[in-house]
Amino acid sequence: MSHAHTPPVPKDNQSPYPLREPPHPHAETKPADKPAPRAAKAKAKDDHARALAIGAAVGVGAAALALAAGVFLLEERSKPKKGKKPAAHKPKPAPKPKKPKPVNKAEAA
């Protein structure tokens, strides 16, 4: 079954917005055969160079920021914290010798 047929709509029930866009008049366009003028080429080249320079500056800035953060973290690790003594390794004390059990005279005989 094909849905190509649109049902009729009463005149009073028409939408204020068009369902299909009306045809546009075609304006005459310039042929694309002509080469672009030198000024346009120079401007495009200048824009490319500017974009390349901005990208390089952003990259160098990001690398410098990462390097500074790394140096800052390394400096913080090497400095001891104020107010706290570094934890020193304490050797375990030797175990105390056990007391000998009292000997019953009855078991000894």
PDB file of N, CA and C in Angstrom:
ATOM      1  N   MET A   1       0.842  -1.166   0.000  1.00  0.00           N
ATOM      2  CA  MET A   1       0.000   0.000   0.000  1.00  0.00           C
ATOM      3  C   MET A   1       0.896   1.239   0.000  1.00  0.00           C
ATOM      4  N   SER A   2       0.650   2.142  -0.877  1.00  0.00           N
ATOM      5  CA  SER A   2       1.484   3.324  -1.033  1.00  0.00           C
ATOM      6  C   SER A   2       0.911   4.490  -0.239  1.00  0.00           C
ATOM      7  N   HIS A   3       1.814   5.282   0.333  1.00  0.00           N
ATOM      8  CA  HIS A   3       1.395   6.458   1.108  1.00  0.00           C
ATOM      9  C   HIS A   3       1.687   7.745   0.347  1.00  0.00           C
ATOM     10  N   ALA A   4       1.683   7.685  -0.956  1.00  0.00           N
ATOM     11  CA  ALA A   4       1.967   8.863  -1.773  1.00  0.00           C
ATOM     12  C   ALA A   4       0.777   9.814  -1.802  1.00  0.00           C
ATOM     13  N   HIS A   5      -0.409   9.305  -1.534  1.00  0.00           N
ATOM     14  CA  HIS A   5      -1.598  10.140  -1.568  1.00  0.00           C
ATOM     15  C   HIS A   5      -1.743  10.876  -0.237  1.00  0.00           C
ATOM     16  N   THR A   6      -1.919  12.200  -0.296  1.00  0.00           N
ATOM     17  CA  THR A   6      -2.169  12.980   0.919  1.00  0.00           C
ATOM     18  C   THR A   6      -3.657  13.289   0.962  1.00  0.00           C
ATOM     19  N   PRO A   7      -4.257  13.068   2.112  1.00  0.00           N
ATOM     20  CA  PRO A   7      -5.699  13.314   2.198  1.00  0.00           C
ATOM     21  C   PRO A   7      -6.007  14.805   2.074  1.00  0.00           C
ATOM     22  N   PRO A   8      -7.180  15.145   1.584  1.00  0.00           N
ATOM     23  CA  PRO A   8      -7.538  16.561   1.457  1.00  0.00           C
ATOM     24  C   PRO A   8      -7.728  17.203   2.835  1.00  0.00           C
ATOM     25  N   VAL A   9      -7.320  18.456   2.959  1.00  0.00           N
ATOM     26  CA  VAL A   9      -7.438  19.199   4.221  1.00  0.00           C
ATOM     27  C   VAL A   9      -8.419  20.332   3.980  1.00  0.00           C
ATOM     28  N   PRO A  10      -9.377  20.517   4.892  1.00  0.00           N
ATOM     29  CA  PRO A  10     -10.336  21.618   4.704  1.00  0.00           C
ATOM     30  C   PRO A  10      -9.626  22.972   4.695  1.00  0.00           C
ATOM     31  N   LYS A  11     -10.174  23.931   3.994  1.00  0.00           N
ATOM     32  CA  LYS A  11      -9.557  25.247   3.836  1.00  0.00           C
ATOM     33  C   LYS A  11      -9.372  25.948   5.177  1.00  0.00           C
ATOM     34  N   ASP A  12     -10.309  25.769   6.105  1.00  0.00           N
ATOM     35  CA  ASP A  12     -10.203  26.427   7.408  1.00  0.00           C
ATOM     36  C   ASP A  12      -9.160  25.757   8.309  1.00  0.00           C
ATOM     37  N   ASN A  13      -8.748  24.576   7.969  1.00  0.00           N
ATOM     38  CA  ASN A  13      -7.830  23.823   8.815  1.00  0.00           C
ATOM     39  C   ASN A  13      -6.404  23.807   8.244  1.00  0.00           C
ATOM     40  N   GLN A  14      -6.098  24.728   7.358  1.00  0.00           N
ATOM     41  CA  GLN A  14      -4.774  24.774   6.752  1.00  0.00           C
ATOM     42  C   GLN A  14      -3.741  25.274   7.764  1.00  0.00           C
ATOM     43  N   SER A  15      -2.542  24.735   7.694  1.00  0.00           N
ATOM     44  CA  SER A  15      -1.457  25.144   8.577  1.00  0.00           C
ATOM     45  C   SER A  15      -0.913  26.496   8.122  1.00  0.00           C
ATOM     46  N   PRO A  16      -0.535  27.371   9.069  1.00  0.00           N
ATOM     47  CA  PRO A  16       0.036  28.660   8.660  1.00  0.00           C
ATOM     48  C   PRO A  16       1.449  28.497   8.092  1.00  0.00           C
ATOM     49  N   TYR A  17       2.056  27.368   8.331  1.00  0.00           N
ATOM     50  CA  TYR A  17       3.412  27.113   7.836  1.00  0.00           C
ATOM     51  C   TYR A  17       3.323  26.225   6.602  1.00  0.00           C
ATOM     52  N   PRO A  18       4.097  26.535   5.596  1.00  0.00           N
ATOM     53  CA  PRO A  18       4.015  25.729   4.370  1.00  0.00           C
ATOM     54  C   PRO A  18       4.599  24.326   4.597  1.00  0.00           C
ATOM     55  N   LEU A  19       3.940  23.340   3.999  1.00  0.00           N
ATOM     56  CA  LEU A  19       4.423  21.976   4.109  1.00  0.00           C
ATOM     57  C   LEU A  19       5.570  21.735   3.136  1.00  0.00           C
ATOM     58  N   ARG A  20       5.523  22.413   2.013  1.00  0.00           N
ATOM     59  CA  ARG A  20       6.590  22.302   1.026  1.00  0.00           C
ATOM     60  C   ARG A  20       7.132  23.693   0.764  1.00  0.00           C
ATOM     61  N   GLU A  21       8.443  23.795   0.642  1.00  0.00           N
ATOM     62  CA  GLU A  21       9.062  25.083   0.399  1.00  0.00           C
ATOM     63  C   GLU A  21       8.848  25.466  -1.066  1.00  0.00           C
ATOM     64  N   PRO A  22       8.455  26.715  -1.323  1.00  0.00           N
ATOM     65  CA  PRO A  22       8.238  27.125  -2.707  1.00  0.00           C
ATOM     66  C   PRO A  22       9.577  27.160  -3.457  1.00  0.00           C
ATOM     67  N   PRO A  23       9.536  27.027  -4.772  1.00  0.00           N
ATOM     68  CA  PRO A  23      10.797  27.045  -5.538  1.00  0.00           C
ATOM     69  C   PRO A  23      11.480  28.405  -5.446  1.00  0.00           C
ATOM     70  N   HIS A  24      12.807  28.377  -5.424  1.00  0.00           N
ATOM     71  CA  HIS A  24      13.599  29.599  -5.323  1.00  0.00           C
ATOM     72  C   HIS A  24      14.042  30.033  -6.714  1.00  0.00           C
ATOM     73  N   PRO A  25      14.088  31.327  -6.935  1.00  0.00           N
ATOM     74  CA  PRO A  25      14.624  31.785  -8.227  1.00  0.00           C
ATOM     75  C   PRO A  25      16.139  31.578  -8.229  1.00  0.00           C
ATOM     76  N   HIS A  26      16.661  31.095  -9.329  1.00  0.00           N
ATOM     77  CA  HIS A  26      18.085  30.833  -9.430  1.00  0.00           C
ATOM     78  C   HIS A  26      18.819  32.106  -9.825  1.00  0.00           C
ATOM     79  N   ALA A  27      19.762  32.484  -8.976  1.00  0.00           N
ATOM     80  CA  ALA A  27      20.559  33.675  -9.274  1.00  0.00           C
ATOM     81  C   ALA A  27      21.741  33.265 -10.145  1.00  0.00           C
ATOM     82  N   GLU A  28      22.189  34.205 -10.945  1.00  0.00           N
ATOM     83  CA  GLU A  28      23.345  33.899 -11.787  1.00  0.00           C
ATOM     84  C   GLU A  28      24.586  33.834 -10.902  1.00  0.00           C
ATOM     85  N   THR A  29      25.360  32.786 -11.089  1.00  0.00           N
ATOM     86  CA  THR A  29      26.563  32.618 -10.275  1.00  0.00           C
ATOM     87  C   THR A  29      27.789  32.834 -11.143  1.00  0.00           C
ATOM     88  N   LYS A  30      28.907  33.163 -10.511  1.00  0.00           N
ATOM     89  CA  LYS A  30      30.160  33.347 -11.235  1.00  0.00           C
ATOM     90  C   LYS A  30      30.712  31.982 -11.594  1.00  0.00           C
ATOM     91  N   PRO A  31      31.284  31.878 -12.727  1.00  0.00           N
ATOM     92  CA  PRO A  31      31.878  30.581 -13.073  1.00  0.00           C
ATOM     93  C   PRO A  31      33.090  30.303 -12.180  1.00  0.00           C
ATOM     94  N   ALA A  32      33.278  29.052 -11.834  1.00  0.00           N
ATOM     95  CA  ALA A  32      34.373  28.650 -10.956  1.00  0.00           C
ATOM     96  C   ALA A  32      35.670  28.449 -11.738  1.00  0.00           C
ATOM     97  N   ASP A  33      35.652  28.752 -13.042  1.00  0.00           N
ATOM     98  CA  ASP A  33      36.838  28.539 -13.855  1.00  0.00           C
ATOM     99  C   ASP A  33      37.917  29.580 -13.589  1.00  0.00           C
ATOM    100  N   LYS A  34      37.529  30.743 -13.101  1.00  0.00           N
ATOM    101  CA  LYS A  34      38.498  31.810 -12.896  1.00  0.00           C
ATOM    102  C   LYS A  34      39.358  31.500 -11.661  1.00  0.00           C
ATOM    103  N   PRO A  35      40.653  31.711 -11.731  1.00  0.00           N
ATOM    104  CA  PRO A  35      41.496  31.506 -10.562  1.00  0.00           C
ATOM    105  C   PRO A  35      41.250  32.598  -9.521  1.00  0.00           C
ATOM    106  N   ALA A  36      41.505  32.282  -8.289  1.00  0.00           N
ATOM    107  CA  ALA A  36      41.291  33.252  -7.215  1.00  0.00           C
ATOM    108  C   ALA A  36      42.323  34.375  -7.339  1.00  0.00           C
ATOM    109  N   PRO A  37      41.954  35.585  -6.981  1.00  0.00           N
ATOM    110  CA  PRO A  37      42.902  36.702  -7.053  1.00  0.00           C
ATOM    111  C   PRO A  37      44.067  36.497  -6.075  1.00  0.00           C
ATOM    112  N   ARG A  38      45.173  37.189  -6.351  1.00  0.00           N
ATOM    113  CA  ARG A  38      46.366  37.033  -5.517  1.00  0.00           C
ATOM    114  C   ARG A  38      46.105  37.475  -4.079  1.00  0.00           C
ATOM    115  N   ALA A  39      45.310  38.504  -3.900  1.00  0.00           N
ATOM    116  CA  ALA A  39      45.040  39.005  -2.547  1.00  0.00           C
ATOM    117  C   ALA A  39      44.336  37.937  -1.706  1.00  0.00           C
ATOM    118  N   ALA A  40      43.414  37.204  -2.304  1.00  0.00           N
ATOM    119  CA  ALA A  40      42.705  36.160  -1.563  1.00  0.00           C
ATOM    120  C   ALA A  40      43.657  35.023  -1.197  1.00  0.00           C
ATOM    121  N   LYS A  41      44.571  34.677  -2.113  1.00  0.00           N
ATOM    122  CA  LYS A  41      45.546  33.624  -1.828  1.00  0.00           C
ATOM    123  C   LYS A  41      46.487  34.058  -0.705  1.00  0.00           C
ATOM    124  N   ALA A  42      46.920  35.315  -0.758  1.00  0.00           N
ATOM    125  CA  ALA A  42      47.830  35.814   0.268  1.00  0.00           C
ATOM    126  C   ALA A  42      47.150  35.836   1.634  1.00  0.00           C
ATOM    127  N   LYS A  43      45.876  36.216   1.656  1.00  0.00           N
ATOM    128  CA  LYS A  43      45.143  36.255   2.931  1.00  0.00           C
ATOM    129  C   LYS A  43      44.974  34.845   3.493  1.00  0.00           C
ATOM    130  N   ALA A  44      44.687  33.887   2.639  1.00  0.00           N
ATOM    131  CA  ALA A  44      44.528  32.511   3.089  1.00  0.00           C
ATOM    132  C   ALA A  44      45.848  31.977   3.646  1.00  0.00           C
ATOM    133  N   LYS A  45      46.951  32.322   2.982  1.00  0.00           N
ATOM    134  CA  LYS A  45      48.259  31.882   3.454  1.00  0.00           C
ATOM    135  C   LYS A  45      48.582  32.531   4.796  1.00  0.00           C
ATOM    136  N   ASP A  46      48.224  33.816   4.942  1.00  0.00           N
ATOM    137  CA  ASP A  46      48.465  34.531   6.193  1.00  0.00           C
ATOM    138  C   ASP A  46      47.646  33.925   7.330  1.00  0.00           C
ATOM    139  N   ASP A  47      46.387  33.566   7.041  1.00  0.00           N
ATOM    140  CA  ASP A  47      45.527  32.941   8.060  1.00  0.00           C
ATOM    141  C   ASP A  47      46.090  31.591   8.489  1.00  0.00           C
ATOM    142  N   HIS A  48      46.617  30.840   7.531  1.00  0.00           N
ATOM    143  CA  HIS A  48      47.208  29.530   7.851  1.00  0.00           C
ATOM    144  C   HIS A  48      48.434  29.705   8.735  1.00  0.00           C
ATOM    145  N   ALA A  49      49.275  30.671   8.430  1.00  0.00           N
ATOM    146  CA  ALA A  49      50.475  30.918   9.226  1.00  0.00           C
ATOM    147  C   ALA A  49      50.093  31.366  10.641  1.00  0.00           C
ATOM    148  N   ARG A  50      49.069  32.203  10.743  1.00  0.00           N
ATOM    149  CA  ARG A  50      48.630  32.679  12.061  1.00  0.00           C
ATOM    150  C   ARG A  50      48.078  31.516  12.885  1.00  0.00           C
ATOM    151  N   ALA A  51      47.291  30.655  12.279  1.00  0.00           N
ATOM    152  CA  ALA A  51      46.739  29.511  13.002  1.00  0.00           C
ATOM    153  C   ALA A  51      47.854  28.569  13.446  1.00  0.00           C
ATOM    154  N   LEU A  52      48.857  28.389  12.614  1.00  0.00           N
ATOM    155  CA  LEU A  52      49.992  27.541  12.966  1.00  0.00           C
ATOM    156  C   LEU A  52      50.764  28.139  14.139  1.00  0.00           C
ATOM    157  N   ALA A  53      50.964  29.442  14.145  1.00  0.00           N
ATOM    158  CA  ALA A  53      51.677  30.108  15.236  1.00  0.00           C
ATOM    159  C   ALA A  53      50.904  30.016  16.541  1.00  0.00           C
ATOM    160  N   ILE A  54      49.595  30.190  16.482  1.00  0.00           N
ATOM    161  CA  ILE A  54      48.775  30.087  17.700  1.00  0.00           C
ATOM    162  C   ILE A  54      48.814  28.664  18.244  1.00  0.00           C
ATOM    163  N   GLY A  55      48.726  27.680  17.373  1.00  0.00           N
ATOM    164  CA  GLY A  55      48.795  26.288  17.815  1.00  0.00           C
ATOM    165  C   GLY A  55      50.127  25.957  18.452  1.00  0.00           C
ATOM    166  N   ALA A  56      51.213  26.467  17.873  1.00  0.00           N
ATOM    167  CA  ALA A  56      52.540  26.229  18.445  1.00  0.00           C
ATOM    168  C   ALA A  56      52.659  26.889  19.816  1.00  0.00           C
ATOM    169  N   ALA A  57      52.131  28.088  19.967  1.00  0.00           N
ATOM    170  CA  ALA A  57      52.195  28.784  21.251  1.00  0.00           C
ATOM    171  C   ALA A  57      51.411  28.025  22.324  1.00  0.00           C
ATOM    172  N   VAL A  58      50.255  27.512  21.972  1.00  0.00           N
ATOM    173  CA  VAL A  58      49.459  26.741  22.927  1.00  0.00           C
ATOM    174  C   VAL A  58      50.199  25.467  23.328  1.00  0.00           C
ATOM    175  N   GLY A  59      50.823  24.803  22.372  1.00  0.00           N
ATOM    176  CA  GLY A  59      51.564  23.583  22.677  1.00  0.00           C
ATOM    177  C   GLY A  59      52.748  23.838  23.585  1.00  0.00           C
ATOM    178  N   VAL A  60      53.509  24.897  23.311  1.00  0.00           N
ATOM    179  CA  VAL A  60      54.664  25.237  24.153  1.00  0.00           C
ATOM    180  C   VAL A  60      54.199  25.624  25.553  1.00  0.00           C
ATOM    181  N   GLY A  61      53.111  26.351  25.643  1.00  0.00           N
ATOM    182  CA  GLY A  61      52.578  26.738  26.958  1.00  0.00           C
ATOM    183  C   GLY A  61      52.135  25.530  27.770  1.00  0.00           C
ATOM    184  N   ALA A  62      51.501  24.573  27.120  1.00  0.00           N
ATOM    185  CA  ALA A  62      51.056  23.367  27.828  1.00  0.00           C
ATOM    186  C   ALA A  62      52.256  22.553  28.310  1.00  0.00           C
ATOM    187  N   ALA A  63      53.297  22.463  27.494  1.00  0.00           N
ATOM    188  CA  ALA A  63      54.493  21.733  27.900  1.00  0.00           C
ATOM    189  C   ALA A  63      55.180  22.430  29.077  1.00  0.00           C
ATOM    190  N   ALA A  64      55.250  23.751  29.048  1.00  0.00           N
ATOM    191  CA  ALA A  64      55.866  24.499  30.144  1.00  0.00           C
ATOM    192  C   ALA A  64      55.076  24.327  31.436  1.00  0.00           C
ATOM    193  N   LEU A  65      53.775  24.328  31.344  1.00  0.00           N
ATOM    194  CA  LEU A  65      52.937  24.143  32.527  1.00  0.00           C
ATOM    195  C   LEU A  65      53.129  22.747  33.115  1.00  0.00           C
ATOM    196  N   ALA A  66      53.204  21.740  32.274  1.00  0.00           N
ATOM    197  CA  ALA A  66      53.419  20.373  32.757  1.00  0.00           C
ATOM    198  C   ALA A  66      54.788  20.240  33.408  1.00  0.00           C
ATOM    199  N   LEU A  67      55.793  20.863  32.834  1.00  0.00           N
ATOM    200  CA  LEU A  67      57.143  20.818  33.406  1.00  0.00           C
ATOM    201  C   LEU A  67      57.171  21.516  34.765  1.00  0.00           C
ATOM    202  N   ALA A  68      56.542  22.671  34.870  1.00  0.00           N
ATOM    203  CA  ALA A  68      56.505  23.399  36.141  1.00  0.00           C
ATOM    204  C   ALA A  68      55.779  22.591  37.210  1.00  0.00           C
ATOM    205  N   ALA A  69      54.689  21.936  36.844  1.00  0.00           N
ATOM    206  CA  ALA A  69      53.952  21.117  37.817  1.00  0.00           C
ATOM    207  C   ALA A  69      54.811  19.944  38.289  1.00  0.00           C
ATOM    208  N   GLY A  70      55.547  19.317  37.379  1.00  0.00           N
ATOM    209  CA  GLY A  70      56.415  18.203  37.756  1.00  0.00           C
ATOM    210  C   GLY A  70      57.523  18.640  38.694  1.00  0.00           C
ATOM    211  N   VAL A  71      58.147  19.787  38.403  1.00  0.00           N
ATOM    212  CA  VAL A  71      59.210  20.299  39.277  1.00  0.00           C
ATOM    213  C   VAL A  71      58.640  20.646  40.642  1.00  0.00           C
ATOM    214  N   PHE A  72      57.480  21.262  40.676  1.00  0.00           N
ATOM    215  CA  PHE A  72      56.850  21.624  41.946  1.00  0.00           C
ATOM    216  C   PHE A  72      56.580  20.383  42.794  1.00  0.00           C
ATOM    217  N   LEU A  73      56.080  19.336  42.181  1.00  0.00           N
ATOM    218  CA  LEU A  73      55.796  18.113  42.928  1.00  0.00           C
ATOM    219  C   LEU A  73      57.074  17.462  43.440  1.00  0.00           C
ATOM    220  N   LEU A  74      58.131  17.482  42.646  1.00  0.00           N
ATOM    221  CA  LEU A  74      59.391  16.895  43.092  1.00  0.00           C
ATOM    222  C   LEU A  74      59.992  17.684  44.248  1.00  0.00           C
ATOM    223  N   GLU A  75      59.880  19.000  44.226  1.00  0.00           N
ATOM    224  CA  GLU A  75      60.395  19.820  45.331  1.00  0.00           C
ATOM    225  C   GLU A  75      59.616  19.548  46.605  1.00  0.00           C
ATOM    226  N   GLU A  76      58.326  19.401  46.505  1.00  0.00           N
ATOM    227  CA  GLU A  76      57.496  19.165  47.686  1.00  0.00           C
ATOM    228  C   GLU A  76      57.835  17.829  48.333  1.00  0.00           C
ATOM    229  N   ARG A  77      58.185  16.837  47.554  1.00  0.00           N
ATOM    230  CA  ARG A  77      58.505  15.528  48.112  1.00  0.00           C
ATOM    231  C   ARG A  77      59.835  15.545  48.856  1.00  0.00           C
ATOM    232  N   SER A  78      60.791  16.328  48.373  1.00  0.00           N
ATOM    233  CA  SER A  78      62.114  16.315  48.982  1.00  0.00           C
ATOM    234  C   SER A  78      62.152  17.103  50.283  1.00  0.00           C
ATOM    235  N   LYS A  79      61.245  18.050  50.490  1.00  0.00           N
ATOM    236  CA  LYS A  79      61.226  18.855  51.713  1.00  0.00           C
ATOM    237  C   LYS A  79      60.445  18.108  52.797  1.00  0.00           C
ATOM    238  N   PRO A  80      61.003  18.031  54.033  1.00  0.00           N
ATOM    239  CA  PRO A  80      60.218  17.424  55.112  1.00  0.00           C
ATOM    240  C   PRO A  80      59.100  18.365  55.542  1.00  0.00           C
ATOM    241  N   LYS A  81      58.018  17.800  56.004  1.00  0.00           N
ATOM    242  CA  LYS A  81      56.894  18.614  56.442  1.00  0.00           C
ATOM    243  C   LYS A  81      57.217  19.246  57.792  1.00  0.00           C
ATOM    244  N   LYS A  82      56.790  20.467  57.989  1.00  0.00           N
ATOM    245  CA  LYS A  82      57.047  21.174  59.239  1.00  0.00           C
ATOM    246  C   LYS A  82      56.147  20.606  60.334  1.00  0.00           C
ATOM    247  N   GLY A  83      56.714  20.446  61.528  1.00  0.00           N
ATOM    248  CA  GLY A  83      55.917  20.003  62.661  1.00  0.00           C
ATOM    249  C   GLY A  83      55.901  18.498  62.828  1.00  0.00           C
ATOM    250  N   LYS A  84      56.224  17.762  61.823  1.00  0.00           N
ATOM    251  CA  LYS A  84      56.217  16.305  61.925  1.00  0.00           C
ATOM    252  C   LYS A  84      57.628  15.788  61.713  1.00  0.00           C
ATOM    253  N   LYS A  85      58.025  14.865  62.547  1.00  0.00           N
ATOM    254  CA  LYS A  85      59.327  14.244  62.364  1.00  0.00           C
ATOM    255  C   LYS A  85      59.153  13.075  61.404  1.00  0.00           C
ATOM    256  N   PRO A  86      60.140  12.846  60.577  1.00  0.00           N
ATOM    257  CA  PRO A  86      60.003  11.702  59.682  1.00  0.00           C
ATOM    258  C   PRO A  86      60.008  10.408  60.480  1.00  0.00           C
ATOM    259  N   ALA A  87      59.238   9.482  60.048  1.00  0.00           N
ATOM    260  CA  ALA A  87      59.134   8.202  60.747  1.00  0.00           C
ATOM    261  C   ALA A  87      60.454   7.463  60.611  1.00  0.00           C
ATOM    262  N   ALA A  88      61.076   7.194  61.776  1.00  0.00           N
ATOM    263  CA  ALA A  88      62.349   6.470  61.759  1.00  0.00           C
ATOM    264  C   ALA A  88      62.067   4.991  61.968  1.00  0.00           C
ATOM    265  N   HIS A  89      62.894   4.173  61.414  1.00  0.00           N
ATOM    266  CA  HIS A  89      62.731   2.734  61.553  1.00  0.00           C
ATOM    267  C   HIS A  89      63.270   2.313  62.907  1.00  0.00           C
ATOM    268  N   LYS A  90      62.425   1.725  63.701  1.00  0.00           N
ATOM    269  CA  LYS A  90      62.846   1.248  65.020  1.00  0.00           C
ATOM    270  C   LYS A  90      62.957  -0.260  64.955  1.00  0.00           C
ATOM    271  N   PRO A  91      64.119  -0.795  65.365  1.00  0.00           N
ATOM    272  CA  PRO A  91      64.232  -2.256  65.353  1.00  0.00           C
ATOM    273  C   PRO A  91      63.371  -2.865  66.448  1.00  0.00           C
ATOM    274  N   LYS A  92      62.892  -4.057  66.204  1.00  0.00           N
ATOM    275  CA  LYS A  92      62.069  -4.733  67.199  1.00  0.00           C
ATOM    276  C   LYS A  92      62.943  -5.110  68.395  1.00  0.00           C
ATOM    277  N   PRO A  93      62.407  -4.942  69.602  1.00  0.00           N
ATOM    278  CA  PRO A  93      63.203  -5.350  70.766  1.00  0.00           C
ATOM    279  C   PRO A  93      63.315  -6.876  70.807  1.00  0.00           C
ATOM    280  N   ALA A  94      64.421  -7.324  71.362  1.00  0.00           N
ATOM    281  CA  ALA A  94      64.637  -8.765  71.463  1.00  0.00           C
ATOM    282  C   ALA A  94      63.622  -9.348  72.436  1.00  0.00           C
ATOM    283  N   PRO A  95      63.156 -10.552  72.192  1.00  0.00           N
ATOM    284  CA  PRO A  95      62.168 -11.136  73.117  1.00  0.00           C
ATOM    285  C   PRO A  95      62.793 -11.376  74.483  1.00  0.00           C
ATOM    286  N   LYS A  96      61.982 -11.182  75.535  1.00  0.00           N
ATOM    287  CA  LYS A  96      62.458 -11.382  76.904  1.00  0.00           C
ATOM    288  C   LYS A  96      62.605 -12.883  77.163  1.00  0.00           C
ATOM    289  N   PRO A  97      63.623 -13.247  77.926  1.00  0.00           N
ATOM    290  CA  PRO A  97      63.747 -14.683  78.225  1.00  0.00           C
ATOM    291  C   PRO A  97      62.606 -15.137  79.123  1.00  0.00           C
ATOM    292  N   LYS A  98      62.134 -16.326  78.881  1.00  0.00           N
ATOM    293  CA  LYS A  98      61.014 -16.862  79.655  1.00  0.00           C
ATOM    294  C   LYS A  98      61.517 -17.297  81.036  1.00  0.00           C
ATOM    295  N   LYS A  99      60.624 -17.096  81.999  1.00  0.00           N
ATOM    296  CA  LYS A  99      60.960 -17.532  83.354  1.00  0.00           C
ATOM    297  C   LYS A  99      60.826 -19.047  83.423  1.00  0.00           C
ATOM    298  N   PRO A 100      61.756 -19.694  84.089  1.00  0.00           N
ATOM    299  CA  PRO A 100      61.611 -21.150  84.223  1.00  0.00           C
ATOM    300  C   PRO A 100      60.436 -21.481  85.141  1.00  0.00           C
ATOM    301  N   LYS A 101      59.755 -22.553  84.821  1.00  0.00           N
ATOM    302  CA  LYS A 101      58.605 -22.978  85.610  1.00  0.00           C
ATOM    303  C   LYS A 101      59.118 -23.528  86.939  1.00  0.00           C
ATOM    304  N   PRO A 102      58.382 -23.270  87.981  1.00  0.00           N
ATOM    305  CA  PRO A 102      58.792 -23.860  89.270  1.00  0.00           C
ATOM    306  C   PRO A 102      58.635 -25.386  89.230  1.00  0.00           C
ATOM    307  N   VAL A 103      59.574 -26.041  89.769  1.00  0.00           N
ATOM    308  CA  VAL A 103      59.575 -27.511  89.748  1.00  0.00           C
ATOM    309  C   VAL A 103      58.897 -28.002  91.014  1.00  0.00           C
ATOM    310  N   ASN A 104      57.909 -28.906  90.813  1.00  0.00           N
ATOM    311  CA  ASN A 104      57.236 -29.519  91.964  1.00  0.00           C
ATOM    312  C   ASN A 104      58.155 -30.588  92.523  1.00  0.00           C
ATOM    313  N   LYS A 105      58.230 -30.663  93.799  1.00  0.00           N
ATOM    314  CA  LYS A 105      59.073 -31.675  94.433  1.00  0.00           C
ATOM    315  C   LYS A 105      58.504 -33.053  94.190  1.00  0.00           C
ATOM    316  N   ALA A 106      57.203 -33.139  94.017  1.00  0.00           N
ATOM    317  CA  ALA A 106      56.577 -34.435  93.822  1.00  0.00           C
ATOM    318  C   ALA A 106      56.890 -34.981  92.438  1.00  0.00           C
ATOM    319  N   GLU A 107      56.978 -34.119  91.425  1.00  0.00           N
ATOM    320  CA  GLU A 107      57.260 -34.556  90.062  1.00  0.00           C
ATOM    321  C   GLU A 107      58.741 -34.906  89.916  1.00  0.00           C
ATOM    322  N   ALA A 108      59.603 -34.258  90.652  1.00  0.00           N
ATOM    323  CA  ALA A 108      61.029 -34.485  90.540  1.00  0.00           C
ATOM    324  C   ALA A 108      61.409 -35.848  91.087  1.00  0.00           C
ATOM    325  N   ALA A 109      60.712 -36.381  92.038  1.00  0.00           N
ATOM    326  CA  ALA A 109      61.094 -37.641  92.664  1.00  0.00           C
ATOM    327  C   ALA A 109      60.711 -38.827  91.871  1.00  0.00           C
TER     328      ALA A 109
END
